């Protein structure tokens, strides 16, 4: 989906450069997720079990970090 690609690109350009190493590693893990799982997270149909991945998803979606 083009919209989901745009979300990832926006995160990569705006937040990734200043993210700490743990967040950068979590973002790389997000990129390795199978497409259906990533889509589920980005469309908020599923919640990641990994806190680090959940944090990155929250940042990608512009949600308040919990």
N, C-alpha and C. Protein backbone atom coordinates (compact mmCIF):
# COMPACT_ATOMS: atom_id res chain seq x y z
N UNK A 1 0.84 -1.18 0.00
CA UNK A 1 0.00 0.00 0.00
C UNK A 1 0.88 1.24 0.00
N UNK A 2 0.58 2.11 -0.87
CA UNK A 2 1.36 3.35 -1.01
C UNK A 2 1.32 4.19 0.27
N UNK A 3 0.17 4.23 0.93
CA UNK A 3 0.02 5.03 2.14
C UNK A 3 0.94 4.52 3.25
N UNK A 4 1.06 3.20 3.36
CA UNK A 4 1.93 2.63 4.38
C UNK A 4 3.39 2.92 4.07
N UNK A 5 3.74 2.85 2.80
CA UNK A 5 5.10 3.21 2.39
C UNK A 5 5.40 4.66 2.78
N UNK A 6 4.44 5.54 2.58
CA UNK A 6 4.62 6.95 2.92
C UNK A 6 4.86 7.13 4.41
N UNK A 7 4.15 6.37 5.24
CA UNK A 7 4.36 6.43 6.69
C UNK A 7 5.79 6.04 7.04
N UNK A 8 6.26 4.96 6.45
CA UNK A 8 7.61 4.48 6.74
C UNK A 8 8.66 5.47 6.26
N UNK A 9 8.46 6.03 5.08
CA UNK A 9 9.42 7.01 4.54
C UNK A 9 9.44 8.26 5.41
N UNK A 10 8.27 8.71 5.83
CA UNK A 10 8.22 9.90 6.69
C UNK A 10 9.00 9.66 7.98
N UNK A 11 8.79 8.50 8.61
CA UNK A 11 9.53 8.17 9.83
C UNK A 11 11.03 8.15 9.55
N UNK A 12 11.40 7.50 8.48
CA UNK A 12 12.81 7.36 8.13
C UNK A 12 13.47 8.73 7.93
N UNK A 13 12.78 9.64 7.29
CA UNK A 13 13.35 10.95 7.01
C UNK A 13 13.29 11.89 8.22
N UNK A 14 12.23 11.78 9.02
CA UNK A 14 12.05 12.77 10.08
C UNK A 14 12.59 12.33 11.45
N UNK A 15 12.46 11.07 11.78
CA UNK A 15 12.83 10.64 13.13
C UNK A 15 14.07 9.76 13.18
N UNK A 16 14.22 8.89 12.22
CA UNK A 16 15.31 7.91 12.25
C UNK A 16 16.69 8.53 12.46
N UNK A 17 17.03 9.64 11.78
CA UNK A 17 18.38 10.19 11.94
C UNK A 17 18.73 10.55 13.39
N UNK A 18 17.74 10.96 14.18
CA UNK A 18 18.01 11.37 15.56
C UNK A 18 17.65 10.29 16.59
N UNK A 19 17.16 9.16 16.12
CA UNK A 19 16.77 8.07 17.03
C UNK A 19 18.01 7.46 17.67
N UNK A 20 17.82 6.91 18.88
CA UNK A 20 18.94 6.23 19.52
C UNK A 20 19.15 4.86 18.87
N UNK A 21 20.23 4.21 19.22
CA UNK A 21 20.58 2.94 18.58
C UNK A 21 19.51 1.86 18.78
N UNK A 22 18.89 1.82 19.96
CA UNK A 22 17.84 0.83 20.21
C UNK A 22 16.64 1.04 19.30
N UNK A 23 16.25 2.30 19.13
CA UNK A 23 15.11 2.59 18.26
C UNK A 23 15.44 2.29 16.80
N UNK A 24 16.67 2.60 16.39
CA UNK A 24 17.07 2.28 15.03
C UNK A 24 17.05 0.77 14.79
N UNK A 25 17.49 0.00 15.79
CA UNK A 25 17.46 -1.45 15.66
C UNK A 25 16.01 -1.96 15.59
N UNK A 26 15.13 -1.33 16.38
CA UNK A 26 13.72 -1.72 16.36
C UNK A 26 13.08 -1.38 15.01
N UNK A 27 13.45 -0.24 14.42
CA UNK A 27 12.91 0.11 13.11
C UNK A 27 13.37 -0.90 12.06
N UNK A 28 14.61 -1.31 12.15
CA UNK A 28 15.10 -2.34 11.21
C UNK A 28 14.30 -3.63 11.38
N UNK A 29 13.97 -3.97 12.64
CA UNK A 29 13.15 -5.16 12.89
C UNK A 29 11.76 -5.00 12.29
N UNK A 30 11.21 -3.79 12.35
CA UNK A 30 9.91 -3.51 11.74
C UNK A 30 9.97 -3.79 10.24
N UNK A 31 11.04 -3.35 9.61
CA UNK A 31 11.18 -3.55 8.16
C UNK A 31 11.31 -5.02 7.78
N UNK A 32 11.72 -5.86 8.72
CA UNK A 32 11.87 -7.29 8.46
C UNK A 32 10.58 -8.07 8.68
N UNK A 33 9.56 -7.42 9.21
CA UNK A 33 8.30 -8.11 9.48
C UNK A 33 7.63 -8.53 8.18
N UNK A 34 6.92 -9.66 8.21
CA UNK A 34 6.13 -10.03 7.03
C UNK A 34 5.08 -8.95 6.75
N UNK A 35 4.80 -8.72 5.48
CA UNK A 35 3.87 -7.66 5.10
C UNK A 35 2.52 -7.72 5.81
N UNK A 36 1.88 -8.88 5.93
CA UNK A 36 0.58 -8.91 6.61
C UNK A 36 0.68 -8.46 8.08
N UNK A 37 1.77 -8.83 8.74
CA UNK A 37 1.95 -8.43 10.14
C UNK A 37 2.19 -6.92 10.23
N UNK A 38 3.07 -6.40 9.40
CA UNK A 38 3.35 -4.97 9.39
C UNK A 38 2.09 -4.18 9.07
N UNK A 39 1.34 -4.62 8.10
CA UNK A 39 0.08 -3.94 7.76
C UNK A 39 -0.88 -3.95 8.94
N UNK A 40 -0.97 -5.07 9.63
CA UNK A 40 -1.84 -5.17 10.81
C UNK A 40 -1.46 -4.15 11.87
N UNK A 41 -0.16 -3.98 12.09
CA UNK A 41 0.30 -3.00 13.08
C UNK A 41 0.02 -1.57 12.62
N UNK A 42 0.36 -1.27 11.37
CA UNK A 42 0.20 0.09 10.88
C UNK A 42 -1.26 0.48 10.68
N UNK A 43 -2.11 -0.49 10.46
CA UNK A 43 -3.55 -0.22 10.35
C UNK A 43 -4.26 -0.36 11.69
N UNK A 44 -3.47 -0.61 12.73
CA UNK A 44 -3.94 -0.74 14.11
C UNK A 44 -4.97 -1.85 14.28
N UNK A 45 -4.77 -2.91 13.55
CA UNK A 45 -5.62 -4.10 13.69
C UNK A 45 -4.98 -5.12 14.62
N UNK A 46 -3.68 -4.96 14.84
CA UNK A 46 -2.91 -5.83 15.73
C UNK A 46 -2.00 -4.96 16.58
N UNK A 47 -1.58 -5.52 17.71
CA UNK A 47 -0.64 -4.83 18.59
C UNK A 47 0.62 -5.67 18.69
N UNK A 48 1.77 -5.07 18.46
CA UNK A 48 3.02 -5.84 18.56
C UNK A 48 3.25 -6.31 19.99
N UNK A 49 3.78 -7.51 20.14
CA UNK A 49 4.10 -8.01 21.47
C UNK A 49 5.43 -7.45 21.96
N UNK A 50 6.28 -7.04 21.05
CA UNK A 50 7.58 -6.44 21.39
C UNK A 50 7.39 -4.96 21.73
N UNK A 51 7.84 -4.55 22.91
CA UNK A 51 7.72 -3.15 23.31
C UNK A 51 8.51 -2.23 22.38
N UNK A 52 9.68 -2.67 21.94
CA UNK A 52 10.49 -1.81 21.08
C UNK A 52 9.82 -1.61 19.72
N UNK A 53 9.25 -2.67 19.17
CA UNK A 53 8.54 -2.54 17.90
C UNK A 53 7.27 -1.71 18.09
N UNK A 54 6.57 -1.91 19.20
CA UNK A 54 5.37 -1.12 19.48
C UNK A 54 5.72 0.36 19.56
N UNK A 55 6.85 0.69 20.18
CA UNK A 55 7.26 2.08 20.28
C UNK A 55 7.52 2.70 18.92
N UNK A 56 8.18 1.95 18.05
CA UNK A 56 8.45 2.45 16.70
C UNK A 56 7.14 2.63 15.93
N UNK A 57 6.24 1.67 16.05
CA UNK A 57 4.94 1.78 15.37
C UNK A 57 4.21 3.03 15.86
N UNK A 58 4.25 3.28 17.17
CA UNK A 58 3.60 4.48 17.71
C UNK A 58 4.21 5.74 17.11
N UNK A 59 5.53 5.78 17.00
CA UNK A 59 6.18 6.94 16.39
C UNK A 59 5.81 7.07 14.92
N UNK A 60 5.79 5.97 14.21
CA UNK A 60 5.44 6.00 12.79
C UNK A 60 4.03 6.57 12.60
N UNK A 61 3.12 6.16 13.47
CA UNK A 61 1.74 6.59 13.35
C UNK A 61 1.48 7.95 14.00
N UNK A 62 2.51 8.48 14.66
CA UNK A 62 2.35 9.77 15.32
C UNK A 62 1.53 9.69 16.59
N UNK A 63 1.48 8.50 17.18
CA UNK A 63 0.72 8.30 18.41
C UNK A 63 1.59 8.67 19.61
N UNK A 64 0.96 9.07 20.71
CA UNK A 64 1.74 9.33 21.92
C UNK A 64 2.42 8.04 22.37
N UNK A 65 3.67 8.12 22.69
CA UNK A 65 4.44 6.94 23.13
C UNK A 65 4.02 6.57 24.54
N UNK A 66 3.64 5.31 24.74
CA UNK A 66 3.20 4.87 26.08
C UNK A 66 4.32 4.20 26.83
